[in-house]
Amino acid sequence: MKYSSRQAVGRPLGTVGRRRPLDVRSPADVRFDGINHYIDSVTTKRRCVVCGMKTTKVCTKCNVSVHDRCFGTFHTRL
């Protein structure tokens, strides 16, 4: 009875911070076309879509964060 009226603390489940799938963020026909994909620097750090480490580089056409070393892997079909 002591803890029954206690409100939940923290972020609500399933409503905040849910990432969109990679297919939605960067469609395959754009990702693998091989035209006008360039690496650019940004001021904020984001997670690389390939390795998950933080980076300040993005692909200008796909608008996803990716390291220099992961750039080729991300834009190549396996």
N, C-alpha and C. Protein backbone atom coordinates (compact mmCIF):
# COMPACT_ATOMS: atom_id res chain seq x y z
N MET A 1 0.82 -1.18 0.00
CA MET A 1 0.00 0.00 0.00
C MET A 1 0.88 1.26 0.00
N LYS A 2 2.04 1.15 0.55
CA LYS A 2 2.90 2.30 0.68
C LYS A 2 3.32 2.87 -0.68
N TYR A 3 3.56 2.01 -1.68
CA TYR A 3 4.05 2.45 -2.99
C TYR A 3 2.98 2.40 -4.07
N SER A 4 1.75 2.10 -3.76
CA SER A 4 0.71 1.94 -4.78
C SER A 4 0.32 3.26 -5.43
N SER A 5 0.40 4.36 -4.75
CA SER A 5 0.00 5.64 -5.32
C SER A 5 1.17 6.40 -5.95
N ARG A 6 2.28 5.78 -6.04
CA ARG A 6 3.49 6.40 -6.58
C ARG A 6 3.41 6.48 -8.11
N GLN A 7 3.75 7.63 -8.67
CA GLN A 7 3.73 7.81 -10.11
C GLN A 7 5.02 7.29 -10.73
N ALA A 8 4.92 6.86 -11.97
CA ALA A 8 6.09 6.36 -12.68
C ALA A 8 7.03 7.52 -13.00
N VAL A 9 8.32 7.25 -12.91
CA VAL A 9 9.34 8.25 -13.15
C VAL A 9 10.09 7.87 -14.41
N GLY A 10 10.44 8.86 -15.24
CA GLY A 10 11.25 8.59 -16.42
C GLY A 10 10.50 8.82 -17.71
N ARG A 11 11.13 8.42 -18.79
CA ARG A 11 10.58 8.61 -20.12
C ARG A 11 9.42 7.64 -20.37
N PRO A 12 8.33 8.11 -21.00
CA PRO A 12 7.24 7.19 -21.34
C PRO A 12 7.69 6.14 -22.35
N LEU A 13 7.24 4.94 -22.22
CA LEU A 13 7.68 3.85 -23.09
C LEU A 13 7.08 3.98 -24.49
N GLY A 14 7.93 3.84 -25.51
CA GLY A 14 7.47 3.77 -26.88
C GLY A 14 7.04 5.08 -27.52
N THR A 15 7.22 6.21 -26.88
CA THR A 15 6.76 7.46 -27.47
C THR A 15 7.89 8.41 -27.85
N VAL A 16 8.98 8.36 -27.16
CA VAL A 16 10.07 9.31 -27.40
C VAL A 16 11.33 8.54 -27.77
N GLY A 17 12.08 9.07 -28.74
CA GLY A 17 13.37 8.49 -29.08
C GLY A 17 13.32 7.28 -29.97
N ARG A 18 12.19 7.00 -30.58
CA ARG A 18 12.10 5.84 -31.47
C ARG A 18 12.66 6.22 -32.83
N ARG A 19 13.69 5.51 -33.28
CA ARG A 19 14.33 5.80 -34.56
C ARG A 19 13.54 5.22 -35.71
N ARG A 20 13.58 5.94 -36.83
CA ARG A 20 12.97 5.41 -38.04
C ARG A 20 13.90 4.36 -38.65
N PRO A 21 13.36 3.34 -39.30
CA PRO A 21 14.22 2.33 -39.93
C PRO A 21 15.10 2.96 -41.01
N LEU A 22 16.23 2.35 -41.28
CA LEU A 22 17.18 2.87 -42.25
C LEU A 22 16.58 2.95 -43.64
N ASP A 23 15.69 2.03 -44.00
CA ASP A 23 15.05 2.04 -45.31
C ASP A 23 14.22 3.30 -45.51
N VAL A 24 13.64 3.80 -44.43
CA VAL A 24 12.82 5.01 -44.51
C VAL A 24 13.72 6.25 -44.57
N ARG A 25 14.78 6.26 -43.79
CA ARG A 25 15.69 7.40 -43.75
C ARG A 25 16.46 7.56 -45.05
N SER A 26 16.92 6.46 -45.63
CA SER A 26 17.69 6.50 -46.86
C SER A 26 17.26 5.33 -47.74
N PRO A 27 16.33 5.56 -48.69
CA PRO A 27 15.85 4.47 -49.55
C PRO A 27 16.98 3.82 -50.34
N ALA A 28 16.83 2.55 -50.65
CA ALA A 28 17.89 1.78 -51.31
C ALA A 28 18.24 2.34 -52.68
N ASP A 29 17.27 2.84 -53.43
CA ASP A 29 17.58 3.36 -54.76
C ASP A 29 18.45 4.62 -54.68
N VAL A 30 18.30 5.41 -53.64
CA VAL A 30 19.16 6.59 -53.44
C VAL A 30 20.50 6.17 -52.85
N ARG A 31 20.47 5.26 -51.91
CA ARG A 31 21.67 4.84 -51.19
C ARG A 31 22.70 4.18 -52.10
N PHE A 32 22.25 3.38 -53.06
CA PHE A 32 23.16 2.61 -53.90
C PHE A 32 23.32 3.15 -55.32
N ASP A 33 22.81 4.34 -55.63
CA ASP A 33 22.89 4.84 -57.01
C ASP A 33 24.29 5.29 -57.41
N GLY A 34 25.16 5.64 -56.43
CA GLY A 34 26.54 5.99 -56.73
C GLY A 34 26.75 7.36 -57.35
N ILE A 35 25.78 8.24 -57.25
CA ILE A 35 25.87 9.57 -57.85
C ILE A 35 25.75 10.63 -56.77
N ASN A 36 26.70 11.56 -56.73
CA ASN A 36 26.68 12.73 -55.84
C ASN A 36 26.62 12.41 -54.35
N HIS A 37 27.31 11.39 -53.90
CA HIS A 37 27.44 11.10 -52.47
C HIS A 37 28.76 11.69 -52.00
N TYR A 38 28.68 12.65 -51.08
CA TYR A 38 29.87 13.32 -50.56
C TYR A 38 29.83 13.31 -49.04
N ILE A 39 31.01 13.33 -48.42
CA ILE A 39 31.11 13.41 -46.97
C ILE A 39 31.28 14.87 -46.58
N ASP A 40 30.49 15.30 -45.61
CA ASP A 40 30.56 16.67 -45.12
C ASP A 40 30.66 16.64 -43.60
N SER A 41 31.23 17.68 -43.02
CA SER A 41 31.35 17.78 -41.56
C SER A 41 30.18 18.58 -41.00
N VAL A 42 29.73 18.19 -39.81
CA VAL A 42 28.71 18.93 -39.08
C VAL A 42 29.26 19.24 -37.70
N THR A 43 28.61 20.17 -37.01
CA THR A 43 29.13 20.59 -35.70
C THR A 43 28.73 19.64 -34.58
N THR A 44 27.61 18.94 -34.73
CA THR A 44 27.15 18.05 -33.67
C THR A 44 27.58 16.62 -33.96
N LYS A 45 27.77 15.85 -32.89
CA LYS A 45 28.13 14.44 -33.04
C LYS A 45 26.87 13.60 -33.13
N ARG A 46 26.89 12.63 -34.04
CA ARG A 46 25.78 11.69 -34.22
C ARG A 46 26.36 10.29 -34.33
N ARG A 47 25.49 9.29 -34.23
CA ARG A 47 25.94 7.90 -34.33
C ARG A 47 26.05 7.47 -35.79
N CYS A 48 27.14 6.79 -36.11
CA CYS A 48 27.35 6.24 -37.44
C CYS A 48 26.34 5.11 -37.68
N VAL A 49 25.74 5.08 -38.88
CA VAL A 49 24.73 4.06 -39.17
C VAL A 49 25.35 2.68 -39.38
N VAL A 50 26.65 2.60 -39.61
CA VAL A 50 27.31 1.32 -39.84
C VAL A 50 27.86 0.73 -38.55
N CYS A 51 28.70 1.50 -37.85
CA CYS A 51 29.40 0.94 -36.68
C CYS A 51 28.83 1.39 -35.34
N GLY A 52 28.05 2.46 -35.32
CA GLY A 52 27.42 2.92 -34.08
C GLY A 52 28.27 3.85 -33.24
N MET A 53 29.51 4.12 -33.65
CA MET A 53 30.37 5.05 -32.92
C MET A 53 29.99 6.48 -33.29
N LYS A 54 30.32 7.44 -32.43
CA LYS A 54 29.98 8.83 -32.70
C LYS A 54 30.89 9.43 -33.77
N THR A 55 30.30 10.27 -34.62
CA THR A 55 31.04 10.92 -35.69
C THR A 55 30.46 12.30 -35.97
N THR A 56 31.25 13.13 -36.64
CA THR A 56 30.78 14.44 -37.06
C THR A 56 30.68 14.52 -38.58
N LYS A 57 30.68 13.38 -39.25
CA LYS A 57 30.60 13.32 -40.71
C LYS A 57 29.23 12.81 -41.14
N VAL A 58 28.71 13.35 -42.25
CA VAL A 58 27.43 12.90 -42.81
C VAL A 58 27.57 12.76 -44.32
N CYS A 59 26.75 11.91 -44.91
CA CYS A 59 26.63 11.83 -46.36
C CYS A 59 25.63 12.92 -46.76
N THR A 60 26.03 13.81 -47.66
CA THR A 60 25.18 14.95 -48.00
C THR A 60 23.91 14.53 -48.73
N LYS A 61 23.96 13.49 -49.53
CA LYS A 61 22.78 13.07 -50.29
C LYS A 61 21.84 12.22 -49.44
N CYS A 62 22.37 11.27 -48.69
CA CYS A 62 21.55 10.37 -47.87
C CYS A 62 21.11 11.02 -46.56
N ASN A 63 21.85 12.02 -46.10
CA ASN A 63 21.59 12.70 -44.83
C ASN A 63 21.63 11.74 -43.65
N VAL A 64 22.61 10.85 -43.65
CA VAL A 64 22.86 9.96 -42.52
C VAL A 64 24.30 10.13 -42.07
N SER A 65 24.54 9.93 -40.78
CA SER A 65 25.90 10.06 -40.27
C SER A 65 26.68 8.79 -40.58
N VAL A 66 27.92 8.97 -41.02
CA VAL A 66 28.76 7.84 -41.40
C VAL A 66 30.22 8.26 -41.34
N HIS A 67 31.08 7.40 -40.81
CA HIS A 67 32.53 7.67 -40.76
C HIS A 67 33.12 7.61 -42.16
N ASP A 68 34.33 8.16 -42.29
CA ASP A 68 35.06 8.06 -43.55
C ASP A 68 35.30 6.59 -43.90
N ARG A 69 35.69 5.80 -42.90
CA ARG A 69 36.01 4.39 -43.15
C ARG A 69 34.76 3.54 -43.38
N CYS A 70 33.59 3.98 -42.93
CA CYS A 70 32.35 3.24 -43.10
C CYS A 70 31.56 3.68 -44.34
N PHE A 71 32.00 4.75 -44.99
CA PHE A 71 31.29 5.34 -46.13
C PHE A 71 31.11 4.32 -47.26
N GLY A 72 32.17 3.63 -47.63
CA GLY A 72 32.11 2.64 -48.71
C GLY A 72 31.23 1.45 -48.36
N THR A 73 31.29 1.00 -47.12
CA THR A 73 30.47 -0.12 -46.67
C THR A 73 28.99 0.22 -46.73
N PHE A 74 28.65 1.44 -46.33
CA PHE A 74 27.24 1.85 -46.31
C PHE A 74 26.67 1.96 -47.71
N HIS A 75 27.47 2.38 -48.70
CA HIS A 75 26.97 2.60 -50.05
C HIS A 75 27.24 1.43 -50.99
N THR A 76 27.55 0.25 -50.47
CA THR A 76 27.80 -0.94 -51.28
C THR A 76 26.82 -2.04 -50.92
N ARG A 77 26.22 -2.64 -51.93
CA ARG A 77 25.33 -3.79 -51.69
C ARG A 77 26.18 -5.01 -51.37
N LEU A 78 25.70 -5.80 -50.42
CA LEU A 78 26.45 -7.02 -50.06
C LEU A 78 25.85 -8.23 -50.65
